C-alpha atoms as a PDB file:
ATOM      1  CA  TYR A   1      13.848 -22.131   6.715  1.00  0.00           C
ATOM      2  CA  TYR A   2      17.131 -23.953   6.362  1.00  0.00           C
ATOM      3  CA  GLU A   3      20.772 -23.299   8.314  1.00  0.00           C
ATOM      4  CA  ASP A   4      23.531 -21.984   6.728  1.00  0.00           C
ATOM      5  CA  SER A   5      26.239 -23.911   6.585  1.00  0.00           C
ATOM      6  CA  ILE A   6      29.295 -21.893   7.123  1.00  0.00           C
ATOM      7  CA  THR A   7      27.384 -19.225   9.567  1.00  0.00           C
ATOM      8  CA  GLY A   8      24.843 -21.873  11.307  1.00  0.00           C
ATOM      9  CA  LYS A   9      22.015 -19.295  10.827  1.00  0.00           C
ATOM     10  CA  GLU A  10      18.638 -19.576   9.516  1.00  0.00           C
ATOM     11  CA  ILE A  11      18.051 -18.546   6.347  1.00  0.00           C
ATOM     12  CA  ARG A  12      14.499 -18.058   5.148  1.00  0.00           C
ATOM     13  CA  HIS A  13      13.370 -20.518   2.574  1.00  0.00           C
ATOM     14  CA  GLY A  14       9.585 -20.775   0.437  1.00  0.00           C
ATOM     15  CA  ASN A  15       6.334 -19.551   1.369  1.00  0.00           C
ATOM     16  CA  TYR A  16       5.604 -17.377   4.266  1.00  0.00           C
ATOM     17  CA  LYS A  17       2.630 -16.301   5.844  1.00  0.00           C
ATOM     18  CA  TYR A  18       1.729 -13.682   8.677  1.00  0.00           C
ATOM     19  CA  VAL A  19      -2.101 -13.527  10.091  1.00  0.00           C
ATOM     20  CA  TYR A  20      -2.985 -11.734  12.688  1.00  0.00           C
ATOM     21  CA  SER A  21      -6.730 -11.061  13.678  1.00  0.00           C
ATOM     22  CA  GLN A  22      -8.916  -9.340  16.414  1.00  0.00           C
ATOM     23  CA  SER A  23     -12.284  -8.593  17.439  1.00  0.00           C
ATOM     24  CA  GLY A  24     -13.663  -5.574  19.773  1.00  0.00           C
ATOM     25  CA  ASP A  25     -15.871  -3.180  21.016  1.00  0.00           C
ATOM     26  CA  TYR A  26     -18.664  -2.676  18.770  1.00  0.00           C
ATOM     27  CA  GLU A  27     -18.458  -5.587  16.850  1.00  0.00           C
ATOM     28  CA  SER A  28     -15.486  -4.125  15.459  1.00  0.00           C
ATOM     29  CA  LYS A  29     -13.043  -6.685  13.683  1.00  0.00           C
ATOM     30  CA  TYR A  30      -9.106  -5.761  12.734  1.00  0.00           C
ATOM     31  CA  SER A  31      -6.963  -8.194  10.487  1.00  0.00           C
ATOM     32  CA  VAL A  32      -3.503  -8.249   9.090  1.00  0.00           C
ATOM     33  CA  THR A  33      -2.313 -11.008   6.302  1.00  0.00           C
ATOM     34  CA  ILE A  34       0.743 -11.293   4.476  1.00  0.00           C
ATOM     35  CA  THR A  35       1.632 -13.415   2.432  1.00  0.00           C
ATOM     36  CA  GLY A  36       5.255 -13.947  -0.009  1.00  0.00           C
ATOM     37  CA  ASN A  37       8.425 -16.132  -0.999  1.00  0.00           C
ATOM     38  CA  TYR A  38      11.723 -16.495   0.317  1.00  0.00           C
ATOM     39  CA  ILE A  39      14.678 -18.077  -1.944  1.00  0.00           C
ATOM     40  CA  ASN A  40      17.620 -18.864  -0.087  1.00  0.00           C
ATOM     41  CA  GLY A  41      16.865 -15.419   2.284  1.00  0.00           C
ATOM     42  CA  PHE A  42      15.274 -13.202  -0.110  1.00  0.00           C
ATOM     43  CA  ARG A  43      12.263 -11.770  -0.923  1.00  0.00           C
ATOM     44  CA  ASN A  44      11.107 -13.058  -3.680  1.00  0.00           C
ATOM     45  CA  GLY A  45       7.963 -12.885  -6.805  1.00  0.00           C
ATOM     46  CA  ILE A  46       5.086 -11.337  -5.212  1.00  0.00           C
ATOM     47  CA  TRP A  47       3.982 -10.128  -1.792  1.00  0.00           C
ATOM     48  CA  ASN A  48       0.673  -9.145  -0.765  1.00  0.00           C
ATOM     49  CA  TYR A  49      -0.730  -6.970   2.275  1.00  0.00           C
ATOM     50  CA  THR A  50      -4.299  -7.010   3.553  1.00  0.00           C
ATOM     51  CA  VAL A  51      -5.478  -4.522   6.722  1.00  0.00           C
ATOM     52  CA  LYS A  52      -9.054  -5.596   6.684  1.00  0.00           C
ATOM     53  CA  LYS A  53     -11.011  -3.205   9.225  1.00  0.00           C
ATOM     54  CA  MET A  54     -14.638  -3.766  10.328  1.00  0.00           C
ATOM     55  CA  ASN A  55     -16.311  -0.725  12.722  1.00  0.00           C
ATOM     56  CA  ASN A  56     -12.933  -0.077  13.466  1.00  0.00           C
ATOM     57  CA  SER A  57     -13.073   3.551  15.160  1.00  0.00           C
ATOM     58  CA  ASP A  58     -10.238   6.069  14.441  1.00  0.00           C
ATOM     59  CA  GLY A  59     -10.466   7.408  17.682  1.00  0.00           C
ATOM     60  CA  SER A  60     -13.420  10.025  17.136  1.00  0.00           C
ATOM     61  CA  ASN A  61     -16.874   8.477  16.573  1.00  0.00           C
ATOM     62  CA  GLU A  62     -16.015   7.436  13.367  1.00  0.00           C
ATOM     63  CA  TYR A  63     -15.918   3.357  12.865  1.00  0.00           C
ATOM     64  CA  TYR A  64     -14.209   2.480   9.343  1.00  0.00           C
ATOM     65  CA  THR A  65     -14.736  -0.612   7.443  1.00  0.00           C
ATOM     66  CA  GLY A  66     -13.180  -1.614   4.437  1.00  0.00           C
ATOM     67  CA  ALA A  67      -9.534  -2.812   3.609  1.00  0.00           C
ATOM     68  CA  THR A  68      -5.859  -1.074   2.936  1.00  0.00           C
ATOM     69  CA  THR A  69      -3.934  -3.475   0.543  1.00  0.00           C
ATOM     70  CA  MET A  70      -0.049  -3.494  -1.231  1.00  0.00           C
ATOM     71  CA  ILE A  71       1.186  -5.774  -3.091  1.00  0.00           C
ATOM     72  CA  GLN A  72       4.894  -5.740  -3.997  1.00  0.00           C
ATOM     73  CA  THR A  73       6.928  -7.915  -6.855  1.00  0.00           C
ATOM     74  CA  TYR A  74      10.444  -8.426  -5.761  1.00  0.00           C
ATOM     75  CA  SER A  75      13.780 -10.059  -7.443  1.00  0.00           C
ATOM     76  CA  GLU A  76      15.935 -11.743  -5.446  1.00  0.00           C
ATOM     77  CA  GLY A  77      15.085  -9.328  -2.605  1.00  0.00           C
ATOM     78  CA  MET A  78      15.348  -6.360  -4.609  1.00  0.00           C
ATOM     79  CA  PRO A  79      12.313  -4.635  -6.019  1.00  0.00           C
ATOM     80  CA  SER A  80      11.313  -5.188  -9.163  1.00  0.00           C
ATOM     81  CA  GLY A  81       8.219  -4.288 -11.136  1.00  0.00           C
ATOM     82  CA  ILE A  82       4.710  -2.570 -10.092  1.00  0.00           C
ATOM     83  CA  TRP A  83       4.302  -1.702  -6.238  1.00  0.00           C
ATOM     84  CA  SER A  84       0.429  -0.425  -5.687  1.00  0.00           C
ATOM     85  CA  TYR A  85      -1.271   0.689  -2.855  1.00  0.00           C
ATOM     86  CA  SER A  86      -4.796   0.903  -2.246  1.00  0.00           C
ATOM     87  CA  GLU A  87      -7.307   1.861   0.696  1.00  0.00           C
ATOM     88  CA  ASN A  88     -10.622   1.606   0.183  1.00  0.00           C
ATOM     89  CA  TYR A  89     -13.184   2.522   3.258  1.00  0.00           C
ATOM     90  CA  GLN A  90     -16.512   3.452   3.958  1.00  0.00           C
ATOM     91  CA  VAL A  91     -17.082   5.689   7.525  1.00  0.00           C
ATOM     92  CA  ARG A  92     -20.303   5.532   9.447  1.00  0.00           C
ATOM     93  CA  SER A  93     -20.481   7.005  13.166  1.00  0.00           C
ATOM     94  CA  GLN A  94     -22.936   5.410  16.046  1.00  0.00           C
ATOM     95  CA  ILE A  95     -25.959   7.588  16.910  1.00  0.00           C
ATOM     96  CA  HIS A  96     -27.829   7.714  20.501  1.00  0.00           C
ATOM     97  CA  SER A  97     -31.095   8.051  20.367  1.00  0.00           C
ATOM     98  CA  ALA A  98     -34.137   7.887  23.208  1.00  0.00           C
ATOM     99  CA  ALA A  99     -34.180   4.315  21.996  1.00  0.00           C
ATOM    100  CA  GLY A 100     -30.181   3.802  22.399  1.00  0.00           C
ATOM    101  CA  TRP A 101     -27.210   3.325  20.177  1.00  0.00           C
ATOM    102  CA  SER A 102     -27.786   2.458  16.411  1.00  0.00           C
ATOM    103  CA  TRP A 103     -25.630   3.012  13.582  1.00  0.00           C
ATOM    104  CA  GLY A 104     -25.767   5.697  10.819  1.00  0.00           C
ATOM    105  CA  ALA A 105     -25.457   5.393   7.372  1.00  0.00           C
ATOM    106  CA  TYR A 106     -22.103   4.230   5.670  1.00  0.00           C
ATOM    107  CA  LYS A 107     -20.450   7.227   3.668  1.00  0.00           C
ATOM    108  CA  ASN A 108     -17.907   6.200   0.984  1.00  0.00           C
ATOM    109  CA  VAL A 109     -14.171   7.783   1.930  1.00  0.00           C
ATOM    110  CA  THR A 110     -12.161   9.016  -1.407  1.00  0.00           C
ATOM    111  CA  PRO A 111     -10.042   6.352  -1.975  1.00  0.00           C
ATOM    112  CA  GLN A 112      -5.921   6.198  -2.102  1.00  0.00           C
ATOM    113  CA  ASN A 113      -4.110   4.291  -4.224  1.00  0.00           C
ATOM    114  CA  ILE A 114      -0.924   4.753  -5.437  1.00  0.00           C
ATOM    115  CA  THR A 115       1.157   2.785  -8.414  1.00  0.00           C
ATOM    116  CA  VAL A 116       5.008   2.744  -8.781  1.00  0.00           C
ATOM    117  CA  ASN A 117       7.451   0.673 -10.936  1.00  0.00           C
ATOM    118  CA  PHE A 118      11.050  -0.695  -9.615  1.00  0.00           C
ATOM    119  CA  CYS A 119      13.700  -1.464 -12.255  1.00  0.00           C
ATOM    120  CA  ASN A 120      16.320  -3.330 -10.205  1.00  0.00           C
ATOM    121  CA  GLY A 121      15.421  -1.814  -6.671  1.00  0.00           C
ATOM    122  CA  VAL A 122      15.433   1.532  -8.482  1.00  0.00           C
ATOM    123  CA  LEU A 123      11.710   3.578  -9.449  1.00  0.00           C
ATOM    124  CA  CYS A 124      11.265   3.509 -13.222  1.00  0.00           C
ATOM    125  CA  GLY A 125       8.788   3.897 -15.503  1.00  0.00           C
ATOM    126  CA  SER A 126       5.203   5.324 -14.304  1.00  0.00           C
ATOM    127  CA  LEU A 127       4.631   6.778 -11.200  1.00  0.00           C
ATOM    128  CA  LYS A 128       0.488   7.542 -10.033  1.00  0.00           C
ATOM    129  CA  ILE A 129      -0.323   8.700  -6.671  1.00  0.00           C
ATOM    130  CA  ASN A 130      -4.188   9.860  -6.132  1.00  0.00           C
ATOM    131  CA  THR A 131      -4.675  10.502  -2.432  1.00  0.00           C
ATOM    132  CA  THR A 132      -6.510  13.351  -0.802  1.00  0.00           C
ATOM    133  CA  PHE A 133      -3.523  15.250  -0.542  1.00  0.00           C
ATOM    134  CA  GLU A 134      -1.707  14.811  -3.914  1.00  0.00           C
ATOM    135  CA  LYS A 135      -2.423  13.524  -7.540  1.00  0.00           C
ATOM    136  CA  ILE A 136       0.598  13.165  -9.053  1.00  0.00           C
ATOM    137  CA  THR A 137       1.524  11.457 -12.408  1.00  0.00           C
ATOM    138  CA  GLY A 138       5.169  11.181 -14.114  1.00  0.00           C
ATOM    139  CA  GLN A 139       7.592   8.867 -15.911  1.00  0.00           C
ATOM    140  CA  LEU A 140      10.821   7.886 -14.626  1.00  0.00           C
ATOM    141  CA  SER A 141      13.971   6.671 -16.638  1.00  0.00           C
ATOM    142  CA  ASN A 142      15.424   3.076 -15.495  1.00  0.00           C
ATOM    143  CA  ASN A 143      17.857   4.592 -13.688  1.00  0.00           C
ATOM    144  CA  GLY A 144      15.151   6.915 -11.379  1.00  0.00           C
ATOM    145  CA  LEU A 145      15.624   9.890 -13.196  1.00  0.00           C
ATOM    146  CA  TRP A 146      12.422  12.082 -13.681  1.00  0.00           C
ATOM    147  CA  ILE A 147      11.599  12.495 -17.562  1.00  0.00           C
ATOM    148  CA  GLY A 148       8.760  13.496 -19.702  1.00  0.00           C
ATOM    149  CA  THR A 149       5.897  15.349 -18.263  1.00  0.00           C
ATOM    150  CA  TRP A 150       4.868  14.997 -14.892  1.00  0.00           C
ATOM    151  CA  ASN A 151       1.701  16.808 -13.671  1.00  0.00           C
ATOM    152  CA  ILE A 152       1.538  17.569  -9.470  1.00  0.00           C
ATOM    153  CA  ASN A 153      -2.533  18.160  -8.770  1.00  0.00           C
ATOM    154  CA  SER A 154      -3.374  19.125 -12.207  1.00  0.00           C
ATOM    155  CA  LYS A 155      -2.044  22.777 -11.341  1.00  0.00           C
ATOM    156  CA  LEU A 156       1.215  22.402 -11.784  1.00  0.00           C
ATOM    157  CA  GLU A 157       2.777  20.427 -15.458  1.00  0.00           C
ATOM    158  CA  SER A 158       6.754  20.165 -15.867  1.00  0.00           C
ATOM    159  CA  THR A 159       8.798  18.665 -18.585  1.00  0.00           C
ATOM    160  CA  LEU A 160      11.862  16.483 -17.697  1.00  0.00           C
ATOM    161  CA  GLU A 161      14.666  14.962 -19.442  1.00  0.00           C
ATOM    162  CA  ASN A 162      17.411  12.966 -17.641  1.00  0.00           C
ATOM    163  CA  GLY A 163      15.812  14.650 -14.292  1.00  0.00           C
ATOM    164  CA  ILE A 164      16.344  18.453 -15.762  1.00  0.00           C
ATOM    165  CA  VAL A 165      13.048  20.622 -15.792  1.00  0.00           C
ATOM    166  CA  MET A 166      13.024  21.565 -19.635  1.00  0.00           C
ATOM    167  CA  LYS A 167       9.587  23.167 -19.188  1.00  0.00           C
ATOM    168  CA  TYR A 168       7.749  24.606 -16.214  1.00  0.00           C
END
């Protein structure tokens, strides 16, 4: 941080790091790590967000182990470059028997991935969404207009030019 000579406010400048972790019941662990860089009060460069879970319950009898990661790129405070989001987890249950509690086998959870690109704060370039609910691929112009062929859930294909649907 440094102090702005006119306003007297603190201005973030330099490396940033936030770390939080906790442990709980059933050997559960949870952690959040955020790293990045500020230049003259603006986010700049790559920012990494990571959430790690081990044996974390979703409120039912399922316990998740894995990580969620998000990478964001900035230039002088504006989103710029590739941004990505991914979730990769396994899940297992606790099983009660006459011998007591034990863990069930791990099952893979369908990974969730999203990748987008920014040009001066505007979505541009390729866009890919691959989640349990949506599977979308497409292109955007440098002005953020949908262009080219878009595929939505493998059922709908549209061709766009400057944000206008040309073929459906």
